[in-house]
Amino acid sequence: FVLCLMVGNNLAFCLFLIFYNPFIYLAYLMCLGIDSFVCS
């Protein structure tokens, strides 16, 4: 989590999410898509 905020690298965070609960990772992807669309 700290790596995401301070370095801007979410790779380790996503590794945690997908192996902890892949359904949460899918929800994360959907929310990310919505955010990107709204900003665009």
PDB file of all heavy atoms in Angstrom:
ATOM      1  N   PHE A   1       0.831  -1.209   0.000  1.00  0.00           N
ATOM      2  CA  PHE A   1       0.000   0.000   0.000  1.00  0.00           C
ATOM      3  C   PHE A   1       0.866   1.259   0.000  1.00  0.00           C
ATOM      4  O   PHE A   1       0.634   2.196  -0.777  1.00  0.00           O
ATOM      5  CB  PHE A   1      -0.929  -0.014   1.219  1.00  0.00           C
ATOM      6  CG  PHE A   1      -1.698   1.256   1.414  1.00  0.00           C
ATOM      7  CD1 PHE A   1      -2.683   1.636   0.521  1.00  0.00           C
ATOM      8  CD2 PHE A   1      -1.443   2.083   2.501  1.00  0.00           C
ATOM      9  CE1 PHE A   1      -3.403   2.812   0.703  1.00  0.00           C
ATOM     10  CE2 PHE A   1      -2.143   3.259   2.691  1.00  0.00           C
ATOM     11  CZ  PHE A   1      -3.128   3.629   1.786  1.00  0.00           C
ATOM     12  N   VAL A   2       1.876   1.291   0.853  1.00  0.00           N
ATOM     13  CA  VAL A   2       2.775   2.445   0.908  1.00  0.00           C
ATOM     14  C   VAL A   2       3.506   2.616  -0.418  1.00  0.00           C
ATOM     15  O   VAL A   2       3.719   3.736  -0.893  1.00  0.00           O
ATOM     16  CB  VAL A   2       3.777   2.290   2.071  1.00  0.00           C
ATOM     17  CG1 VAL A   2       4.849   3.368   2.019  1.00  0.00           C
ATOM     18  CG2 VAL A   2       3.037   2.338   3.410  1.00  0.00           C
ATOM     19  N   LEU A   3       3.880   1.503  -1.035  1.00  0.00           N
ATOM     20  CA  LEU A   3       4.552   1.546  -2.341  1.00  0.00           C
ATOM     21  C   LEU A   3       3.655   2.219  -3.377  1.00  0.00           C
ATOM     22  O   LEU A   3       4.122   3.018  -4.191  1.00  0.00           O
ATOM     23  CB  LEU A   3       4.923   0.133  -2.784  1.00  0.00           C
ATOM     24  CG  LEU A   3       5.721   0.018  -4.077  1.00  0.00           C
ATOM     25  CD1 LEU A   3       7.147   0.500  -3.866  1.00  0.00           C
ATOM     26  CD2 LEU A   3       5.720  -1.420  -4.579  1.00  0.00           C
ATOM     27  N   CYS A   4       2.354   1.888  -3.369  1.00  0.00           N
ATOM     28  CA  CYS A   4       1.407   2.519  -4.293  1.00  0.00           C
ATOM     29  C   CYS A   4       1.415   4.033  -4.137  1.00  0.00           C
ATOM     30  O   CYS A   4       1.522   4.770  -5.118  1.00  0.00           O
ATOM     31  CB  CYS A   4      -0.012   2.000  -4.028  1.00  0.00           C
ATOM     32  SG  CYS A   4      -0.416   0.461  -4.820  1.00  0.00           S
ATOM     33  N   LEU A   5       1.288   4.482  -2.901  1.00  0.00           N
ATOM     34  CA  LEU A   5       1.162   5.914  -2.654  1.00  0.00           C
ATOM     35  C   LEU A   5       2.451   6.672  -2.952  1.00  0.00           C
ATOM     36  O   LEU A   5       2.442   7.698  -3.640  1.00  0.00           O
ATOM     37  CB  LEU A   5       0.772   6.155  -1.193  1.00  0.00           C
ATOM     38  CG  LEU A   5      -0.600   5.673  -0.726  1.00  0.00           C
ATOM     39  CD1 LEU A   5      -0.806   6.043   0.729  1.00  0.00           C
ATOM     40  CD2 LEU A   5      -1.709   6.262  -1.578  1.00  0.00           C
ATOM     41  N   MET A   6       3.562   6.184  -2.436  1.00  0.00           N
ATOM     42  CA  MET A   6       4.802   6.953  -2.452  1.00  0.00           C
ATOM     43  C   MET A   6       5.633   6.772  -3.718  1.00  0.00           C
ATOM     44  O   MET A   6       6.368   7.670  -4.113  1.00  0.00           O
ATOM     45  CB  MET A   6       5.656   6.586  -1.221  1.00  0.00           C
ATOM     46  CG  MET A   6       4.954   6.841   0.100  1.00  0.00           C
ATOM     47  SD  MET A   6       4.406   8.573   0.205  1.00  0.00           S
ATOM     48  CE  MET A   6       3.464   8.530   1.729  1.00  0.00           C
ATOM     49  N   VAL A   7       5.523   5.630  -4.328  1.00  0.00           N
ATOM     50  CA  VAL A   7       6.326   5.357  -5.525  1.00  0.00           C
ATOM     51  C   VAL A   7       5.472   5.344  -6.787  1.00  0.00           C
ATOM     52  O   VAL A   7       5.964   5.574  -7.884  1.00  0.00           O
ATOM     53  CB  VAL A   7       7.098   4.023  -5.361  1.00  0.00           C
ATOM     54  CG1 VAL A   7       7.860   3.660  -6.624  1.00  0.00           C
ATOM     55  CG2 VAL A   7       8.054   4.120  -4.178  1.00  0.00           C
ATOM     56  N   GLY A   8       4.168   5.102  -6.638  1.00  0.00           N
ATOM     57  CA  GLY A   8       3.306   5.039  -7.808  1.00  0.00           C
ATOM     58  C   GLY A   8       3.427   3.735  -8.554  1.00  0.00           C
ATOM     59  O   GLY A   8       3.241   3.680  -9.767  1.00  0.00           O
ATOM     60  N   ASN A   9       3.712   2.656  -7.831  1.00  0.00           N
ATOM     61  CA  ASN A   9       3.826   1.324  -8.434  1.00  0.00           C
ATOM     62  C   ASN A   9       2.857   0.403  -7.704  1.00  0.00           C
ATOM     63  O   ASN A   9       3.026   0.112  -6.528  1.00  0.00           O
ATOM     64  CB  ASN A   9       5.258   0.809  -8.295  1.00  0.00           C
ATOM     65  CG  ASN A   9       5.485  -0.501  -9.044  1.00  0.00           C
ATOM     66  OD1 ASN A   9       4.666  -1.407  -8.986  1.00  0.00           O
ATOM     67  ND2 ASN A   9       6.598  -0.583  -9.737  1.00  0.00           N
ATOM     68  N   ASN A  10       1.812  -0.051  -8.400  1.00  0.00           N
ATOM     69  CA  ASN A  10       0.790  -0.870  -7.760  1.00  0.00           C
ATOM     70  C   ASN A  10       0.969  -2.361  -8.030  1.00  0.00           C
ATOM     71  O   ASN A  10       0.065  -3.164  -7.764  1.00  0.00           O
ATOM     72  CB  ASN A  10      -0.601  -0.433  -8.215  1.00  0.00           C
ATOM     73  CG  ASN A  10      -0.896  -0.826  -9.660  1.00  0.00           C
ATOM     74  OD1 ASN A  10       0.019  -0.986 -10.467  1.00  0.00           O
ATOM     75  ND2 ASN A  10      -2.167  -0.975  -9.989  1.00  0.00           N
ATOM     76  N   LEU A  11       2.138  -2.759  -8.544  1.00  0.00           N
ATOM     77  CA  LEU A  11       2.351  -4.147  -8.916  1.00  0.00           C
ATOM     78  C   LEU A  11       2.244  -5.079  -7.710  1.00  0.00           C
ATOM     79  O   LEU A  11       1.532  -6.091  -7.748  1.00  0.00           O
ATOM     80  CB  LEU A  11       3.727  -4.291  -9.582  1.00  0.00           C
ATOM     81  CG  LEU A  11       4.044  -5.650 -10.214  1.00  0.00           C
ATOM     82  CD1 LEU A  11       2.991  -6.028 -11.229  1.00  0.00           C
ATOM     83  CD2 LEU A  11       5.417  -5.605 -10.858  1.00  0.00           C
ATOM     84  N   ALA A  12       2.939  -4.745  -6.619  1.00  0.00           N
ATOM     85  CA  ALA A  12       2.890  -5.595  -5.423  1.00  0.00           C
ATOM     86  C   ALA A  12       1.487  -5.596  -4.821  1.00  0.00           C
ATOM     87  O   ALA A  12       1.011  -6.633  -4.337  1.00  0.00           O
ATOM     88  CB  ALA A  12       3.920  -5.112  -4.398  1.00  0.00           C
ATOM     89  N   PHE A  13       0.832  -4.450  -4.854  1.00  0.00           N
ATOM     90  CA  PHE A  13      -0.520  -4.358  -4.314  1.00  0.00           C
ATOM     91  C   PHE A  13      -1.477  -5.240  -5.099  1.00  0.00           C
ATOM     92  O   PHE A  13      -2.329  -5.932  -4.523  1.00  0.00           O
ATOM     93  CB  PHE A  13      -0.978  -2.898  -4.334  1.00  0.00           C
ATOM     94  CG  PHE A  13      -2.169  -2.607  -3.469  1.00  0.00           C
ATOM     95  CD1 PHE A  13      -2.054  -2.628  -2.086  1.00  0.00           C
ATOM     96  CD2 PHE A  13      -3.390  -2.300  -4.029  1.00  0.00           C
ATOM     97  CE1 PHE A  13      -3.157  -2.353  -1.271  1.00  0.00           C
ATOM     98  CE2 PHE A  13      -4.492  -2.017  -3.234  1.00  0.00           C
ATOM     99  CZ  PHE A  13      -4.380  -2.047  -1.853  1.00  0.00           C
ATOM    100  N   CYS A  14      -1.349  -5.231  -6.427  1.00  0.00           N
ATOM    101  CA  CYS A  14      -2.205  -6.064  -7.271  1.00  0.00           C
ATOM    102  C   CYS A  14      -1.888  -7.546  -7.101  1.00  0.00           C
ATOM    103  O   CYS A  14      -2.790  -8.384  -7.164  1.00  0.00           O
ATOM    104  CB  CYS A  14      -2.070  -5.645  -8.736  1.00  0.00           C
ATOM    105  SG  CYS A  14      -2.860  -4.070  -9.118  1.00  0.00           S
ATOM    106  N   LEU A  15      -0.605  -7.881  -6.906  1.00  0.00           N
ATOM    107  CA  LEU A  15      -0.260  -9.270  -6.609  1.00  0.00           C
ATOM    108  C   LEU A  15      -0.962  -9.726  -5.333  1.00  0.00           C
ATOM    109  O   LEU A  15      -1.491 -10.847  -5.266  1.00  0.00           O
ATOM    110  CB  LEU A  15       1.259  -9.417  -6.449  1.00  0.00           C
ATOM    111  CG  LEU A  15       2.090  -9.478  -7.732  1.00  0.00           C
ATOM    112  CD1 LEU A  15       3.574  -9.360  -7.403  1.00  0.00           C
ATOM    113  CD2 LEU A  15       1.818 -10.780  -8.496  1.00  0.00           C
ATOM    114  N   PHE A  16      -0.953  -8.853  -4.327  1.00  0.00           N
ATOM    115  CA  PHE A  16      -1.650  -9.197  -3.085  1.00  0.00           C
ATOM    116  C   PHE A  16      -3.142  -9.402  -3.350  1.00  0.00           C
ATOM    117  O   PHE A  16      -3.733 -10.399  -2.911  1.00  0.00           O
ATOM    118  CB  PHE A  16      -1.445  -8.097  -2.040  1.00  0.00           C
ATOM    119  CG  PHE A  16      -2.159  -8.371  -0.750  1.00  0.00           C
ATOM    120  CD1 PHE A  16      -1.549  -9.096   0.251  1.00  0.00           C
ATOM    121  CD2 PHE A  16      -3.464  -7.916  -0.551  1.00  0.00           C
ATOM    122  CE1 PHE A  16      -2.213  -9.370   1.441  1.00  0.00           C
ATOM    123  CE2 PHE A  16      -4.141  -8.181   0.629  1.00  0.00           C
ATOM    124  CZ  PHE A  16      -3.508  -8.913   1.628  1.00  0.00           C
ATOM    125  N   LEU A  17      -3.759  -8.470  -4.064  1.00  0.00           N
ATOM    126  CA  LEU A  17      -5.203  -8.545  -4.292  1.00  0.00           C
ATOM    127  C   LEU A  17      -5.607  -9.796  -5.044  1.00  0.00           C
ATOM    128  O   LEU A  17      -6.559 -10.492  -4.663  1.00  0.00           O
ATOM    129  CB  LEU A  17      -5.676  -7.314  -5.069  1.00  0.00           C
ATOM    130  CG  LEU A  17      -5.681  -5.966  -4.353  1.00  0.00           C
ATOM    131  CD1 LEU A  17      -6.161  -4.874  -5.298  1.00  0.00           C
ATOM    132  CD2 LEU A  17      -6.552  -6.017  -3.105  1.00  0.00           C
ATOM    133  N   ILE A  18      -4.900 -10.106  -6.115  1.00  0.00           N
ATOM    134  CA  ILE A  18      -5.334 -11.211  -6.970  1.00  0.00           C
ATOM    135  C   ILE A  18      -5.166 -12.561  -6.279  1.00  0.00           C
ATOM    136  O   ILE A  18      -5.940 -13.493  -6.512  1.00  0.00           O
ATOM    137  CB  ILE A  18      -4.612 -11.183  -8.336  1.00  0.00           C
ATOM    138  CG1 ILE A  18      -5.396 -12.007  -9.358  1.00  0.00           C
ATOM    139  CG2 ILE A  18      -3.178 -11.678  -8.215  1.00  0.00           C
ATOM    140  CD1 ILE A  18      -4.945 -11.818 -10.780  1.00  0.00           C
ATOM    141  N   PHE A  19      -4.174 -12.675  -5.383  1.00  0.00           N
ATOM    142  CA  PHE A  19      -4.006 -13.938  -4.676  1.00  0.00           C
ATOM    143  C   PHE A  19      -4.783 -13.970  -3.360  1.00  0.00           C
ATOM    144  O   PHE A  19      -5.073 -15.051  -2.849  1.00  0.00           O
ATOM    145  CB  PHE A  19      -2.521 -14.217  -4.433  1.00  0.00           C
ATOM    146  CG  PHE A  19      -1.782 -14.596  -5.675  1.00  0.00           C
ATOM    147  CD1 PHE A  19      -0.795 -13.774  -6.192  1.00  0.00           C
ATOM    148  CD2 PHE A  19      -2.084 -15.762  -6.350  1.00  0.00           C
ATOM    149  CE1 PHE A  19      -0.118 -14.110  -7.348  1.00  0.00           C
ATOM    150  CE2 PHE A  19      -1.420 -16.111  -7.512  1.00  0.00           C
ATOM    151  CZ  PHE A  19      -0.419 -15.284  -8.016  1.00  0.00           C
ATOM    152  N   TYR A  20      -5.137 -12.811  -2.828  1.00  0.00           N
ATOM    153  CA  TYR A  20      -5.975 -12.779  -1.637  1.00  0.00           C
ATOM    154  C   TYR A  20      -7.432 -13.040  -2.008  1.00  0.00           C
ATOM    155  O   TYR A  20      -8.117 -13.864  -1.392  1.00  0.00           O
ATOM    156  CB  TYR A  20      -5.847 -11.425  -0.936  1.00  0.00           C
ATOM    157  CG  TYR A  20      -6.750 -11.298   0.279  1.00  0.00           C
ATOM    158  CD1 TYR A  20      -6.422 -11.949   1.466  1.00  0.00           C
ATOM    159  CD2 TYR A  20      -7.919 -10.543   0.218  1.00  0.00           C
ATOM    160  CE1 TYR A  20      -7.256 -11.851   2.579  1.00  0.00           C
ATOM    161  CE2 TYR A  20      -8.752 -10.436   1.321  1.00  0.00           C
ATOM    162  CZ  TYR A  20      -8.418 -11.092   2.498  1.00  0.00           C
ATOM    163  OH  TYR A  20      -9.255 -10.998   3.585  1.00  0.00           O
ATOM    164  N   ASN A  21      -7.906 -12.334  -3.037  1.00  0.00           N
ATOM    165  CA  ASN A  21      -9.273 -12.519  -3.492  1.00  0.00           C
ATOM    166  C   ASN A  21      -9.399 -11.967  -4.904  1.00  0.00           C
ATOM    167  O   ASN A  21      -9.506 -10.755  -5.084  1.00  0.00           O
ATOM    168  CB  ASN A  21     -10.259 -11.811  -2.558  1.00  0.00           C
ATOM    169  CG  ASN A  21     -11.699 -12.199  -2.823  1.00  0.00           C
ATOM    170  OD1 ASN A  21     -12.111 -12.346  -3.966  1.00  0.00           O
ATOM    171  ND2 ASN A  21     -12.481 -12.365  -1.768  1.00  0.00           N
ATOM    172  N   PRO A  22      -9.386 -12.818  -5.927  1.00  0.00           N
ATOM    173  CA  PRO A  22      -9.431 -12.326  -7.320  1.00  0.00           C
ATOM    174  C   PRO A  22     -10.692 -11.545  -7.643  1.00  0.00           C
ATOM    175  O   PRO A  22     -10.688 -10.708  -8.543  1.00  0.00           O
ATOM    176  CB  PRO A  22      -9.341 -13.613  -8.155  1.00  0.00           C
ATOM    177  CG  PRO A  22      -9.718 -14.717  -7.220  1.00  0.00           C
ATOM    178  CD  PRO A  22      -9.284 -14.282  -5.858  1.00  0.00           C
ATOM    179  N   PHE A  23     -11.780 -11.794  -6.893  1.00  0.00           N
ATOM    180  CA  PHE A  23     -13.015 -11.043  -7.145  1.00  0.00           C
ATOM    181  C   PHE A  23     -12.850  -9.581  -6.733  1.00  0.00           C
ATOM    182  O   PHE A  23     -13.413  -8.678  -7.361  1.00  0.00           O
ATOM    183  CB  PHE A  23     -14.183 -11.680  -6.382  1.00  0.00           C
ATOM    184  CG  PHE A  23     -14.479 -13.089  -6.816  1.00  0.00           C
ATOM    185  CD1 PHE A  23     -14.128 -14.164  -6.019  1.00  0.00           C
ATOM    186  CD2 PHE A  23     -15.084 -13.337  -8.033  1.00  0.00           C
ATOM    187  CE1 PHE A  23     -14.387 -15.455  -6.410  1.00  0.00           C
ATOM    188  CE2 PHE A  23     -15.352 -14.632  -8.449  1.00  0.00           C
ATOM    189  CZ  PHE A  23     -14.999 -15.695  -7.632  1.00  0.00           C
ATOM    190  N   ILE A  24     -12.081  -9.341  -5.666  1.00  0.00           N
ATOM    191  CA  ILE A  24     -11.791  -7.960  -5.274  1.00  0.00           C
ATOM    192  C   ILE A  24     -10.932  -7.297  -6.339  1.00  0.00           C
ATOM    193  O   ILE A  24     -11.113  -6.115  -6.660  1.00  0.00           O
ATOM    194  CB  ILE A  24     -11.092  -7.919  -3.900  1.00  0.00           C
ATOM    195  CG1 ILE A  24     -12.070  -8.329  -2.802  1.00  0.00           C
ATOM    196  CG2 ILE A  24     -10.535  -6.521  -3.609  1.00  0.00           C
ATOM    197  CD1 ILE A  24     -11.478  -8.317  -1.411  1.00  0.00           C
ATOM    198  N   TYR A  25      -9.992  -8.047  -6.912  1.00  0.00           N
ATOM    199  CA  TYR A  25      -9.155  -7.477  -7.972  1.00  0.00           C
ATOM    200  C   TYR A  25     -10.002  -7.114  -9.192  1.00  0.00           C
ATOM    201  O   TYR A  25      -9.786  -6.071  -9.827  1.00  0.00           O
ATOM    202  CB  TYR A  25      -8.056  -8.468  -8.369  1.00  0.00           C
ATOM    203  CG  TYR A  25      -7.171  -7.956  -9.466  1.00  0.00           C
ATOM    204  CD1 TYR A  25      -6.318  -6.878  -9.255  1.00  0.00           C
ATOM    205  CD2 TYR A  25      -7.198  -8.533 -10.738  1.00  0.00           C
ATOM    206  CE1 TYR A  25      -5.520  -6.385 -10.269  1.00  0.00           C
ATOM    207  CE2 TYR A  25      -6.394  -8.051 -11.756  1.00  0.00           C
ATOM    208  CZ  TYR A  25      -5.555  -6.974 -11.517  1.00  0.00           C
ATOM    209  OH  TYR A  25      -4.770  -6.494 -12.521  1.00  0.00           O
ATOM    210  N   LEU A  26     -10.987  -7.946  -9.534  1.00  0.00           N
ATOM    211  CA  LEU A  26     -11.872  -7.627 -10.659  1.00  0.00           C
ATOM    212  C   LEU A  26     -12.685  -6.363 -10.364  1.00  0.00           C
ATOM    213  O   LEU A  26     -12.881  -5.527 -11.256  1.00  0.00           O
ATOM    214  CB  LEU A  26     -12.810  -8.808 -10.936  1.00  0.00           C
ATOM    215  CG  LEU A  26     -12.152 -10.073 -11.494  1.00  0.00           C
ATOM    216  CD1 LEU A  26     -13.180 -11.190 -11.643  1.00  0.00           C
ATOM    217  CD2 LEU A  26     -11.481  -9.793 -12.839  1.00  0.00           C
ATOM    218  N   ALA A  27     -13.147  -6.227  -9.119  1.00  0.00           N
ATOM    219  CA  ALA A  27     -13.869  -5.006  -8.737  1.00  0.00           C
ATOM    220  C   ALA A  27     -12.957  -3.791  -8.832  1.00  0.00           C
ATOM    221  O   ALA A  27     -13.380  -2.705  -9.250  1.00  0.00           O
ATOM    222  CB  ALA A  27     -14.418  -5.161  -7.313  1.00  0.00           C
ATOM    223  N   TYR A  28     -11.711  -3.970  -8.449  1.00  0.00           N
ATOM    224  CA  TYR A  28     -10.697  -2.906  -8.550  1.00  0.00           C
ATOM    225  C   TYR A  28     -10.520  -2.461 -10.001  1.00  0.00           C
ATOM    226  O   TYR A  28     -10.472  -1.262 -10.299  1.00  0.00           O
ATOM    227  CB  TYR A  28      -9.402  -3.451  -7.968  1.00  0.00           C
ATOM    228  CG  TYR A  28      -8.163  -2.619  -8.146  1.00  0.00           C
ATOM    229  CD1 TYR A  28      -7.895  -1.536  -7.316  1.00  0.00           C
ATOM    230  CD2 TYR A  28      -7.220  -2.932  -9.123  1.00  0.00           C
ATOM    231  CE1 TYR A  28      -6.733  -0.792  -7.458  1.00  0.00           C
ATOM    232  CE2 TYR A  28      -6.058  -2.204  -9.272  1.00  0.00           C
ATOM    233  CZ  TYR A  28      -5.821  -1.130  -8.441  1.00  0.00           C
ATOM    234  OH  TYR A  28      -4.669  -0.409  -8.592  1.00  0.00           O
ATOM    235  N   LEU A  29     -10.445  -3.423 -10.925  1.00  0.00           N
ATOM    236  CA  LEU A  29     -10.301  -3.092 -12.347  1.00  0.00           C
ATOM    237  C   LEU A  29     -11.508  -2.320 -12.862  1.00  0.00           C
ATOM    238  O   LEU A  29     -11.365  -1.352 -13.614  1.00  0.00           O
ATOM    239  CB  LEU A  29     -10.112  -4.367 -13.165  1.00  0.00           C
ATOM    240  CG  LEU A  29      -8.790  -5.118 -13.025  1.00  0.00           C
ATOM    241  CD1 LEU A  29      -8.791  -6.358 -13.915  1.00  0.00           C
ATOM    242  CD2 LEU A  29      -7.610  -4.220 -13.374  1.00  0.00           C
ATOM    243  N   MET A  30     -12.704  -2.735 -12.465  1.00  0.00           N
ATOM    244  CA  MET A  30     -13.912  -2.049 -12.916  1.00  0.00           C
ATOM    245  C   MET A  30     -13.966  -0.612 -12.389  1.00  0.00           C
ATOM    246  O   MET A  30     -14.292   0.316 -13.140  1.00  0.00           O
ATOM    247  CB  MET A  30     -15.155  -2.826 -12.463  1.00  0.00           C
ATOM    248  CG  MET A  30     -15.326  -4.172 -13.138  1.00  0.00           C
ATOM    249  SD  MET A  30     -15.386  -4.057 -14.953  1.00  0.00           S
ATOM    250  CE  MET A  30     -16.855  -3.054 -15.169  1.00  0.00           C
ATOM    251  N   CYS A  31     -13.632  -0.437 -11.128  1.00  0.00           N
ATOM    252  CA  CYS A  31     -13.617   0.926 -10.557  1.00  0.00           C
ATOM    253  C   CYS A  31     -12.565   1.793 -11.249  1.00  0.00           C
ATOM    254  O   CYS A  31     -12.797   2.981 -11.505  1.00  0.00           O
ATOM    255  CB  CYS A  31     -13.344   0.865  -9.058  1.00  0.00           C
ATOM    256  SG  CYS A  31     -14.701   0.181  -8.074  1.00  0.00           S
ATOM    257  N   LEU A  32     -11.427   1.196 -11.561  1.00  0.00           N
ATOM    258  CA  LEU A  32     -10.370   1.924 -12.262  1.00  0.00           C
ATOM    259  C   LEU A  32     -10.837   2.359 -13.646  1.00  0.00           C
ATOM    260  O   LEU A  32     -10.584   3.497 -14.078  1.00  0.00           O
ATOM    261  CB  LEU A  32      -9.125   1.048 -12.376  1.00  0.00           C
ATOM    262  CG  LEU A  32      -7.964   1.594 -13.204  1.00  0.00           C
ATOM    263  CD1 LEU A  32      -7.515   2.947 -12.658  1.00  0.00           C
ATOM    264  CD2 LEU A  32      -6.810   0.610 -13.220  1.00  0.00           C
ATOM    265  N   GLY A  33     -11.528   1.472 -14.350  1.00  0.00           N
ATOM    266  CA  GLY A  33     -12.049   1.816 -15.667  1.00  0.00           C
ATOM    267  C   GLY A  33     -13.050   2.966 -15.604  1.00  0.00           C
ATOM    268  O   GLY A  33     -13.018   3.882 -16.425  1.00  0.00           O
ATOM    269  N   ILE A  34     -13.929   2.927 -14.606  1.00  0.00           N
ATOM    270  CA  ILE A  34     -14.919   3.998 -14.427  1.00  0.00           C
ATOM    271  C   ILE A  34     -14.229   5.324 -14.131  1.00  0.00           C
ATOM    272  O   ILE A  34     -14.558   6.364 -14.716  1.00  0.00           O
ATOM    273  CB  ILE A  34     -15.907   3.632 -13.298  1.00  0.00           C
ATOM    274  CG1 ILE A  34     -16.761   2.430 -13.712  1.00  0.00           C
ATOM    275  CG2 ILE A  34     -16.787   4.826 -12.947  1.00  0.00           C
ATOM    276  CD1 ILE A  34     -17.590   1.854 -12.579  1.00  0.00           C
ATOM    277  N   ASP A  35     -13.254   5.300 -13.230  1.00  0.00           N
ATOM    278  CA  ASP A  35     -12.522   6.528 -12.891  1.00  0.00           C
ATOM    279  C   ASP A  35     -11.829   7.119 -14.107  1.00  0.00           C
ATOM    280  O   ASP A  35     -11.858   8.338 -14.335  1.00  0.00           O
ATOM    281  CB  ASP A  35     -11.494   6.244 -11.801  1.00  0.00           C
ATOM    282  CG  ASP A  35     -12.137   5.986 -10.451  1.00  0.00           C
ATOM    283  OD1 ASP A  35     -13.241   6.495 -10.231  1.00  0.00           O
ATOM    284  OD2 ASP A  35     -11.538   5.272  -9.637  1.00  0.00           O
ATOM    285  N   SER A  36     -11.169   6.263 -14.875  1.00  0.00           N
ATOM    286  CA  SER A  36     -10.451   6.736 -16.058  1.00  0.00           C
ATOM    287  C   SER A  36     -11.408   7.348 -17.073  1.00  0.00           C
ATOM    288  O   SER A  36     -11.110   8.376 -17.698  1.00  0.00           O
ATOM    289  CB  SER A  36      -9.675   5.577 -16.684  1.00  0.00           C
ATOM    290  OG  SER A  36      -8.730   5.057 -15.789  1.00  0.00           O
ATOM    291  N   PHE A  37     -12.558   6.721 -17.240  1.00  0.00           N
ATOM    292  CA  PHE A  37     -13.554   7.234 -18.182  1.00  0.00           C
ATOM    293  C   PHE A  37     -14.073   8.601 -17.742  1.00  0.00           C
ATOM    294  O   PHE A  37     -14.199   9.527 -18.554  1.00  0.00           O
ATOM    295  CB  PHE A  37     -14.713   6.245 -18.302  1.00  0.00           C
ATOM    296  CG  PHE A  37     -15.867   6.773 -19.105  1.00  0.00           C
ATOM    297  CD1 PHE A  37     -15.771   6.869 -20.488  1.00  0.00           C
ATOM    298  CD2 PHE A  37     -17.040   7.180 -18.483  1.00  0.00           C
ATOM    299  CE1 PHE A  37     -16.837   7.368 -21.242  1.00  0.00           C
ATOM    300  CE2 PHE A  37     -18.095   7.672 -19.223  1.00  0.00           C
ATOM    301  CZ  PHE A  37     -17.997   7.774 -20.602  1.00  0.00           C
ATOM    302  N   VAL A  38     -14.362   8.746 -16.441  1.00  0.00           N
ATOM    303  CA  VAL A  38     -14.881  10.018 -15.922  1.00  0.00           C
ATOM    304  C   VAL A  38     -13.850  11.129 -16.101  1.00  0.00           C
ATOM    305  O   VAL A  38     -14.179  12.245 -16.515  1.00  0.00           O
ATOM    306  CB  VAL A  38     -15.288   9.879 -14.444  1.00  0.00           C
ATOM    307  CG1 VAL A  38     -15.631  11.244 -13.855  1.00  0.00           C
ATOM    308  CG2 VAL A  38     -16.481   8.940 -14.314  1.00  0.00           C
ATOM    309  N   CYS A  39     -12.585  10.827 -15.800  1.00  0.00           N
ATOM    310  CA  CYS A  39     -11.533  11.836 -15.962  1.00  0.00           C
ATOM    311  C   CYS A  39     -11.369  12.234 -17.422  1.00  0.00           C
ATOM    312  O   CYS A  39     -11.123  13.404 -17.738  1.00  0.00           O
ATOM    313  CB  CYS A  39     -10.206  11.307 -15.411  1.00  0.00           C
ATOM    314  SG  CYS A  39     -10.123  11.338 -13.619  1.00  0.00           S
ATOM    315  N   SER A  40     -11.497  11.266 -18.314  1.00  0.00           N
ATOM    316  CA  SER A  40     -11.428  11.570 -19.739  1.00  0.00           C
ATOM    317  C   SER A  40     -12.620  12.414 -20.174  1.00  0.00           C
ATOM    318  O   SER A  40     -12.482  13.340 -20.972  1.00  0.00           O
ATOM    319  CB  SER A  40     -11.380  10.260 -20.538  1.00  0.00           C
ATOM    320  OG  SER A  40     -11.462  10.516 -21.914  1.00  0.00           O
TER     321      SER A  40
END
